[in-house]
């Protein structure tokens, strides 16, 4: 695979400022036989960074950075041991102030937040999500269709704010409760984003920076997002 061919492929994936699931699969199939040649992949990463620098501006900066992070993950040597972040914390309600920790993660996000939560009714969290959207953070939300009809559900507020949101359309529940911040921090547990979970229920969530876990949840989110998009 010549550098010019790689450049042309990456330019095509960058055209819409995102690396789709199909494009990831296609690039993985091309790059996989080339491992483990660290110098070759260093050259390919340089091409990706060069394309990002040429394309980035104030309007599409967050999208280009996300594309670059996705491409860079594909160009990591397979035999390299992943660096595990020191982030590893557990929170329990109602003992801990779980909403405060979630709001902190939302406020500290720099580029993107993907939220996949069964039900969201806690106005404190909803306001923080909308504030992040207004400051330019790329936000996507997946939730359950039946719970979106509950009294106090904030799905309409997200849609009115212009935040992309998709609901499942089946007789079963979209029962996940996780979120991914900047593709680098995972929040996952039993905790629904509701006042009841914060103040009454025995609930939990874990924050993790383990890239293996993050990648698994990112893949799940992307798969659901594409699936539910086809149902619109």
C-alpha atoms as a PDB file:
ATOM      1  CA  UNK A   1       0.000   0.000   0.000  1.00  0.00           C
ATOM      2  CA  UNK A   2       1.631   3.233  -1.185  1.00  0.00           C
ATOM      3  CA  UNK A   3       1.379   6.483   0.816  1.00  0.00           C
ATOM      4  CA  UNK A   4      -0.475   8.206  -2.029  1.00  0.00           C
ATOM      5  CA  UNK A   5      -3.110   5.475  -2.030  1.00  0.00           C
ATOM      6  CA  UNK A   6      -3.535   5.850   1.722  1.00  0.00           C
ATOM      7  CA  UNK A   7      -3.832   9.623   1.332  1.00  0.00           C
ATOM      8  CA  UNK A   8      -6.588   9.226  -1.257  1.00  0.00           C
ATOM      9  CA  UNK A   9      -8.522   6.788   0.929  1.00  0.00           C
ATOM     10  CA  UNK A  10      -8.257   9.031   3.983  1.00  0.00           C
ATOM     11  CA  UNK A  11      -9.306  12.072   1.950  1.00  0.00           C
ATOM     12  CA  UNK A  12     -12.449  10.210   0.916  1.00  0.00           C
ATOM     13  CA  UNK A  13     -13.333   9.337   4.519  1.00  0.00           C
ATOM     14  CA  UNK A  14     -12.686  12.927   5.625  1.00  0.00           C
ATOM     15  CA  UNK A  15     -14.981  14.406   2.984  1.00  0.00           C
ATOM     16  CA  UNK A  16     -18.016  14.265   5.314  1.00  0.00           C
ATOM     17  CA  UNK A  17     -15.913  14.965   8.450  1.00  0.00           C
ATOM     18  CA  UNK A  18     -16.650  11.594  10.028  1.00  0.00           C
ATOM     19  CA  UNK A  19     -15.351   8.045   9.914  1.00  0.00           C
ATOM     20  CA  UNK A  20     -18.385   5.798   9.536  1.00  0.00           C
ATOM     21  CA  UNK A  21     -18.584   2.236  10.801  1.00  0.00           C
ATOM     22  CA  UNK A  22     -18.334   0.961   7.215  1.00  0.00           C
ATOM     23  CA  UNK A  23     -15.255   3.072   6.533  1.00  0.00           C
ATOM     24  CA  UNK A  24     -13.608   1.808   9.728  1.00  0.00           C
ATOM     25  CA  UNK A  25     -14.197  -1.772   8.618  1.00  0.00           C
ATOM     26  CA  UNK A  26     -12.838  -1.056   5.140  1.00  0.00           C
ATOM     27  CA  UNK A  27      -9.685   0.613   6.477  1.00  0.00           C
ATOM     28  CA  UNK A  28      -9.154  -2.138   9.055  1.00  0.00           C
ATOM     29  CA  UNK A  29      -9.299  -4.753   6.296  1.00  0.00           C
ATOM     30  CA  UNK A  30      -6.664  -2.808   4.349  1.00  0.00           C
ATOM     31  CA  UNK A  31      -4.351  -2.035   7.279  1.00  0.00           C
ATOM     32  CA  UNK A  32      -4.551  -5.412   9.052  1.00  0.00           C
ATOM     33  CA  UNK A  33      -2.180  -7.297   6.668  1.00  0.00           C
ATOM     34  CA  UNK A  34       0.403  -4.504   7.026  1.00  0.00           C
ATOM     35  CA  UNK A  35       1.006  -5.034  10.741  1.00  0.00           C
ATOM     36  CA  UNK A  36       3.431  -4.952  12.466  1.00  0.00           C
ATOM     37  CA  UNK A  37       5.419  -2.293  10.579  1.00  0.00           C
ATOM     38  CA  UNK A  38       5.687   0.648  13.006  1.00  0.00           C
ATOM     39  CA  UNK A  39       7.509   2.923  10.555  1.00  0.00           C
ATOM     40  CA  UNK A  40       4.898   2.388   7.863  1.00  0.00           C
ATOM     41  CA  UNK A  41       2.090   3.190  10.259  1.00  0.00           C
ATOM     42  CA  UNK A  42       3.941   6.231  11.571  1.00  0.00           C
ATOM     43  CA  UNK A  43       4.026   7.507   7.979  1.00  0.00           C
ATOM     44  CA  UNK A  44       0.295   6.869   7.587  1.00  0.00           C
ATOM     45  CA  UNK A  45      -0.434   8.708  10.842  1.00  0.00           C
ATOM     46  CA  UNK A  46       1.597  11.667   9.562  1.00  0.00           C
ATOM     47  CA  UNK A  47      -0.589  11.730   6.462  1.00  0.00           C
ATOM     48  CA  UNK A  48      -3.729  11.731   8.616  1.00  0.00           C
ATOM     49  CA  UNK A  49      -2.439  14.609  10.768  1.00  0.00           C
ATOM     50  CA  UNK A  50      -1.461  16.574   7.644  1.00  0.00           C
ATOM     51  CA  UNK A  51      -4.950  16.140   6.164  1.00  0.00           C
ATOM     52  CA  UNK A  52      -6.518  17.207   9.466  1.00  0.00           C
ATOM     53  CA  UNK A  53      -4.381  20.357   9.616  1.00  0.00           C
ATOM     54  CA  UNK A  54      -5.354  21.248   6.048  1.00  0.00           C
ATOM     55  CA  UNK A  55      -9.062  20.752   6.725  1.00  0.00           C
ATOM     56  CA  UNK A  56      -9.651  22.013  10.247  1.00  0.00           C
ATOM     57  CA  UNK A  57     -11.286  25.378  10.872  1.00  0.00           C
ATOM     58  CA  UNK A  58     -13.480  27.040  13.483  1.00  0.00           C
ATOM     59  CA  UNK A  59     -16.655  25.492  12.074  1.00  0.00           C
ATOM     60  CA  UNK A  60     -15.660  21.841  11.698  1.00  0.00           C
ATOM     61  CA  UNK A  61     -12.814  21.604  14.213  1.00  0.00           C
ATOM     62  CA  UNK A  62     -14.498  19.170  16.620  1.00  0.00           C
ATOM     63  CA  UNK A  63     -15.575  16.857  13.802  1.00  0.00           C
ATOM     64  CA  UNK A  64     -12.103  16.783  12.235  1.00  0.00           C
ATOM     65  CA  UNK A  65     -10.474  16.031  15.595  1.00  0.00           C
ATOM     66  CA  UNK A  66     -12.941  13.167  16.128  1.00  0.00           C
ATOM     67  CA  UNK A  67     -12.110  11.804  12.652  1.00  0.00           C
ATOM     68  CA  UNK A  68      -8.394  12.027  13.447  1.00  0.00           C
ATOM     69  CA  UNK A  69      -8.826  10.160  16.741  1.00  0.00           C
ATOM     70  CA  UNK A  70     -10.780   7.389  15.006  1.00  0.00           C
ATOM     71  CA  UNK A  71      -8.152   7.013  12.256  1.00  0.00           C
ATOM     72  CA  UNK A  72      -5.321   7.062  14.781  1.00  0.00           C
ATOM     73  CA  UNK A  73      -6.896   4.165  16.696  1.00  0.00           C
ATOM     74  CA  UNK A  74      -6.847   2.107  13.489  1.00  0.00           C
ATOM     75  CA  UNK A  75      -3.153   2.845  13.025  1.00  0.00           C
ATOM     76  CA  UNK A  76      -1.932   1.595  16.391  1.00  0.00           C
ATOM     77  CA  UNK A  77       0.354  -1.486  16.343  1.00  0.00           C
ATOM     78  CA  UNK A  78      -1.663  -4.580  17.233  1.00  0.00           C
ATOM     79  CA  UNK A  79       1.068  -5.936  19.511  1.00  0.00           C
ATOM     80  CA  UNK A  80       1.288  -2.756  21.558  1.00  0.00           C
ATOM     81  CA  UNK A  81      -0.196  -3.007  25.029  1.00  0.00           C
ATOM     82  CA  UNK A  82      -2.884  -0.365  25.531  1.00  0.00           C
ATOM     83  CA  UNK A  83      -2.075   2.368  28.004  1.00  0.00           C
ATOM     84  CA  UNK A  84      -4.638   2.175  30.788  1.00  0.00           C
ATOM     85  CA  UNK A  85      -5.778   5.503  32.159  1.00  0.00           C
ATOM     86  CA  UNK A  86      -5.589   6.009  35.900  1.00  0.00           C
ATOM     87  CA  UNK A  87      -9.289   6.929  35.816  1.00  0.00           C
ATOM     88  CA  UNK A  88     -11.150   4.187  37.652  1.00  0.00           C
ATOM     89  CA  UNK A  89     -13.835   5.293  40.087  1.00  0.00           C
ATOM     90  CA  UNK A  90     -17.113   3.932  41.411  1.00  0.00           C
ATOM     91  CA  UNK A  91     -20.104   6.005  42.556  1.00  0.00           C
ATOM     92  CA  UNK A  92     -23.145   4.827  44.505  1.00  0.00           C
ATOM     93  CA  UNK A  93     -26.477   6.541  45.040  1.00  0.00           C
ATOM     94  CA  UNK A  94     -27.993   7.840  47.138  1.00  0.00           C
ATOM     95  CA  UNK A  95     -24.791   7.987  49.224  1.00  0.00           C
ATOM     96  CA  UNK A  96     -22.717   9.810  46.585  1.00  0.00           C
ATOM     97  CA  UNK A  97     -23.722  12.930  44.677  1.00  0.00           C
ATOM     98  CA  UNK A  98     -24.014  11.145  41.337  1.00  0.00           C
ATOM     99  CA  UNK A  99     -25.613  14.058  39.428  1.00  0.00           C
ATOM    100  CA  UNK A 100     -22.734  16.328  40.423  1.00  0.00           C
ATOM    101  CA  UNK A 101     -20.185  13.863  39.030  1.00  0.00           C
ATOM    102  CA  UNK A 102     -22.101  13.427  35.767  1.00  0.00           C
ATOM    103  CA  UNK A 103     -22.464  17.202  35.393  1.00  0.00           C
ATOM    104  CA  UNK A 104     -18.727  17.552  36.017  1.00  0.00           C
ATOM    105  CA  UNK A 105     -17.938  15.116  33.202  1.00  0.00           C
ATOM    106  CA  UNK A 106     -20.320  16.952  30.877  1.00  0.00           C
ATOM    107  CA  UNK A 107     -18.777  20.320  31.753  1.00  0.00           C
ATOM    108  CA  UNK A 108     -15.220  19.053  31.220  1.00  0.00           C
ATOM    109  CA  UNK A 109     -15.929  17.525  27.799  1.00  0.00           C
ATOM    110  CA  UNK A 110     -13.972  19.245  25.035  1.00  0.00           C
ATOM    111  CA  UNK A 111     -15.272  17.652  21.831  1.00  0.00           C
ATOM    112  CA  UNK A 112     -17.985  15.006  22.096  1.00  0.00           C
ATOM    113  CA  UNK A 113     -20.484  13.276  24.380  1.00  0.00           C
ATOM    114  CA  UNK A 114     -22.372  10.140  23.365  1.00  0.00           C
ATOM    115  CA  UNK A 115     -25.214   9.281  25.767  1.00  0.00           C
ATOM    116  CA  UNK A 116     -27.077   5.970  25.686  1.00  0.00           C
ATOM    117  CA  UNK A 117     -29.464   5.969  28.647  1.00  0.00           C
ATOM    118  CA  UNK A 118     -32.824   4.268  29.226  1.00  0.00           C
ATOM    119  CA  UNK A 119     -34.530   7.362  30.624  1.00  0.00           C
ATOM    120  CA  UNK A 120     -33.459  10.972  31.286  1.00  0.00           C
ATOM    121  CA  UNK A 121     -35.691  13.097  33.518  1.00  0.00           C
ATOM    122  CA  UNK A 122     -33.252  14.876  35.847  1.00  0.00           C
ATOM    123  CA  UNK A 123     -33.457  18.517  34.765  1.00  0.00           C
ATOM    124  CA  UNK A 124     -30.050  19.250  36.295  1.00  0.00           C
ATOM    125  CA  UNK A 125     -28.403  16.823  33.894  1.00  0.00           C
ATOM    126  CA  UNK A 126     -30.561  17.925  30.972  1.00  0.00           C
ATOM    127  CA  UNK A 127     -29.578  21.565  31.478  1.00  0.00           C
ATOM    128  CA  UNK A 128     -25.898  20.604  31.580  1.00  0.00           C
ATOM    129  CA  UNK A 129     -26.257  18.627  28.336  1.00  0.00           C
ATOM    130  CA  UNK A 130     -27.973  21.529  26.589  1.00  0.00           C
ATOM    131  CA  UNK A 131     -25.307  23.954  27.872  1.00  0.00           C
ATOM    132  CA  UNK A 132     -22.581  21.695  26.445  1.00  0.00           C
ATOM    133  CA  UNK A 133     -24.395  21.580  23.110  1.00  0.00           C
ATOM    134  CA  UNK A 134     -24.563  25.382  23.044  1.00  0.00           C
ATOM    135  CA  UNK A 135     -20.829  25.696  23.586  1.00  0.00           C
ATOM    136  CA  UNK A 136     -20.169  23.511  20.541  1.00  0.00           C
ATOM    137  CA  UNK A 137     -19.758  20.021  21.974  1.00  0.00           C
ATOM    138  CA  UNK A 138     -20.918  17.296  19.572  1.00  0.00           C
ATOM    139  CA  UNK A 139     -23.663  15.427  21.421  1.00  0.00           C
ATOM    140  CA  UNK A 140     -25.710  12.396  20.407  1.00  0.00           C
ATOM    141  CA  UNK A 141     -28.368  10.742  22.566  1.00  0.00           C
ATOM    142  CA  UNK A 142     -29.991   7.306  22.353  1.00  0.00           C
ATOM    143  CA  UNK A 143     -32.923   6.514  24.639  1.00  0.00           C
ATOM    144  CA  UNK A 144     -35.955   4.252  24.992  1.00  0.00           C
ATOM    145  CA  UNK A 145     -39.095   5.087  23.038  1.00  0.00           C
ATOM    146  CA  UNK A 146     -41.579   4.078  25.750  1.00  0.00           C
ATOM    147  CA  UNK A 147     -39.741   5.994  28.484  1.00  0.00           C
ATOM    148  CA  UNK A 148     -39.669   9.068  26.251  1.00  0.00           C
ATOM    149  CA  UNK A 149     -43.452   9.257  26.766  1.00  0.00           C
ATOM    150  CA  UNK A 150     -43.202   9.290  30.563  1.00  0.00           C
ATOM    151  CA  UNK A 151     -44.129  12.376  32.535  1.00  0.00           C
ATOM    152  CA  UNK A 152     -40.962  14.424  33.031  1.00  0.00           C
ATOM    153  CA  UNK A 153     -39.022  12.910  30.135  1.00  0.00           C
ATOM    154  CA  UNK A 154     -36.628  15.454  28.646  1.00  0.00           C
ATOM    155  CA  UNK A 155     -36.411  14.028  25.116  1.00  0.00           C
ATOM    156  CA  UNK A 156     -38.481  16.920  23.725  1.00  0.00           C
ATOM    157  CA  UNK A 157     -36.133  19.442  25.344  1.00  0.00           C
ATOM    158  CA  UNK A 158     -33.156  17.837  23.615  1.00  0.00           C
ATOM    159  CA  UNK A 159     -34.893  17.878  20.235  1.00  0.00           C
ATOM    160  CA  UNK A 160     -35.995  21.488  20.685  1.00  0.00           C
ATOM    161  CA  UNK A 161     -32.369  22.411  21.468  1.00  0.00           C
ATOM    162  CA  UNK A 162     -31.254  20.765  18.201  1.00  0.00           C
ATOM    163  CA  UNK A 163     -29.443  17.837  19.807  1.00  0.00           C
ATOM    164  CA  UNK A 164     -29.464  14.666  17.662  1.00  0.00           C
ATOM    165  CA  UNK A 165     -31.553  12.025  19.442  1.00  0.00           C
ATOM    166  CA  UNK A 166     -32.703   8.571  18.364  1.00  0.00           C
ATOM    167  CA  UNK A 167     -35.184   6.222  20.027  1.00  0.00           C
ATOM    168  CA  UNK A 168     -35.552   2.497  19.663  1.00  0.00           C
ATOM    169  CA  UNK A 169     -38.711   1.348  17.875  1.00  0.00           C
ATOM    170  CA  UNK A 170     -39.431  -2.105  19.242  1.00  0.00           C
ATOM    171  CA  UNK A 171     -41.554  -3.799  21.886  1.00  0.00           C
ATOM    172  CA  UNK A 172     -38.354  -4.369  23.860  1.00  0.00           C
ATOM    173  CA  UNK A 173     -36.401  -1.795  25.866  1.00  0.00           C
ATOM    174  CA  UNK A 174     -33.223   0.088  25.014  1.00  0.00           C
ATOM    175  CA  UNK A 175     -32.007  -0.499  28.558  1.00  0.00           C
ATOM    176  CA  UNK A 176     -28.378   0.697  28.446  1.00  0.00           C
ATOM    177  CA  UNK A 177     -27.134   3.364  30.861  1.00  0.00           C
ATOM    178  CA  UNK A 178     -23.770   4.569  29.615  1.00  0.00           C
ATOM    179  CA  UNK A 179     -22.065   7.662  28.265  1.00  0.00           C
ATOM    180  CA  UNK A 180     -18.728   8.318  26.568  1.00  0.00           C
ATOM    181  CA  UNK A 181     -16.930  11.641  26.980  1.00  0.00           C
ATOM    182  CA  UNK A 182     -14.358  12.764  24.358  1.00  0.00           C
ATOM    183  CA  UNK A 183     -13.870   9.107  23.331  1.00  0.00           C
ATOM    184  CA  UNK A 184     -11.671   8.782  26.427  1.00  0.00           C
ATOM    185  CA  UNK A 185     -13.895   8.366  29.507  1.00  0.00           C
ATOM    186  CA  UNK A 186     -16.649   5.781  29.915  1.00  0.00           C
ATOM    187  CA  UNK A 187     -19.512   6.085  32.402  1.00  0.00           C
ATOM    188  CA  UNK A 188     -21.499   2.868  32.837  1.00  0.00           C
ATOM    189  CA  UNK A 189     -23.702   1.250  35.467  1.00  0.00           C
ATOM    190  CA  UNK A 190     -27.269   0.748  36.655  1.00  0.00           C
ATOM    191  CA  UNK A 191     -27.837   4.470  37.140  1.00  0.00           C
ATOM    192  CA  UNK A 192     -30.670   6.084  35.160  1.00  0.00           C
ATOM    193  CA  UNK A 193     -30.445   9.840  34.803  1.00  0.00           C
ATOM    194  CA  UNK A 194     -33.430  10.563  37.047  1.00  0.00           C
ATOM    195  CA  UNK A 195     -34.131  12.226  40.382  1.00  0.00           C
ATOM    196  CA  UNK A 196     -35.307   8.903  41.767  1.00  0.00           C
ATOM    197  CA  UNK A 197     -31.974   7.285  40.970  1.00  0.00           C
ATOM    198  CA  UNK A 198     -30.135  10.197  42.574  1.00  0.00           C
ATOM    199  CA  UNK A 199     -32.166  10.497  45.764  1.00  0.00           C
ATOM    200  CA  UNK A 200     -33.879   7.183  46.493  1.00  0.00           C
ATOM    201  CA  UNK A 201     -32.673   4.148  44.567  1.00  0.00           C
ATOM    202  CA  UNK A 202     -29.659   1.993  45.323  1.00  0.00           C
ATOM    203  CA  UNK A 203     -27.758   2.587  42.062  1.00  0.00           C
ATOM    204  CA  UNK A 204     -24.199   2.732  40.789  1.00  0.00           C
ATOM    205  CA  UNK A 205     -21.971   3.752  37.926  1.00  0.00           C
ATOM    206  CA  UNK A 206     -18.273   3.412  37.175  1.00  0.00           C
ATOM    207  CA  UNK A 207     -15.952   5.848  35.401  1.00  0.00           C
ATOM    208  CA  UNK A 208     -13.191   4.188  33.404  1.00  0.00           C
ATOM    209  CA  UNK A 209     -10.414   5.293  31.084  1.00  0.00           C
ATOM    210  CA  UNK A 210      -9.637   1.761  29.861  1.00  0.00           C
ATOM    211  CA  UNK A 211      -9.435   2.066  26.049  1.00  0.00           C
ATOM    212  CA  UNK A 212     -10.517  -1.558  25.584  1.00  0.00           C
ATOM    213  CA  UNK A 213     -13.785  -0.885  27.391  1.00  0.00           C
ATOM    214  CA  UNK A 214     -14.245   2.490  25.742  1.00  0.00           C
ATOM    215  CA  UNK A 215     -13.786   1.046  22.258  1.00  0.00           C
ATOM    216  CA  UNK A 216     -16.291  -1.738  22.978  1.00  0.00           C
ATOM    217  CA  UNK A 217     -18.929   0.747  24.129  1.00  0.00           C
ATOM    218  CA  UNK A 218     -18.161   3.125  21.252  1.00  0.00           C
ATOM    219  CA  UNK A 219     -18.715   0.294  18.783  1.00  0.00           C
ATOM    220  CA  UNK A 220     -22.011  -0.562  20.473  1.00  0.00           C
ATOM    221  CA  UNK A 221     -23.140   3.067  20.370  1.00  0.00           C
ATOM    222  CA  UNK A 222     -22.239   3.437  16.678  1.00  0.00           C
ATOM    223  CA  UNK A 223     -24.035   0.212  15.818  1.00  0.00           C
ATOM    224  CA  UNK A 224     -27.193   1.309  17.631  1.00  0.00           C
ATOM    225  CA  UNK A 225     -27.006   4.810  16.177  1.00  0.00           C
ATOM    226  CA  UNK A 226     -26.834   3.484  12.611  1.00  0.00           C
ATOM    227  CA  UNK A 227     -29.539   0.887  13.253  1.00  0.00           C
ATOM    228  CA  UNK A 228     -31.965   3.411  14.744  1.00  0.00           C
ATOM    229  CA  UNK A 229     -31.166   5.892  11.977  1.00  0.00           C
ATOM    230  CA  UNK A 230     -32.414   3.370   9.431  1.00  0.00           C
ATOM    231  CA  UNK A 231     -35.674   3.157  11.356  1.00  0.00           C
ATOM    232  CA  UNK A 232     -36.362   6.904  11.164  1.00  0.00           C
END
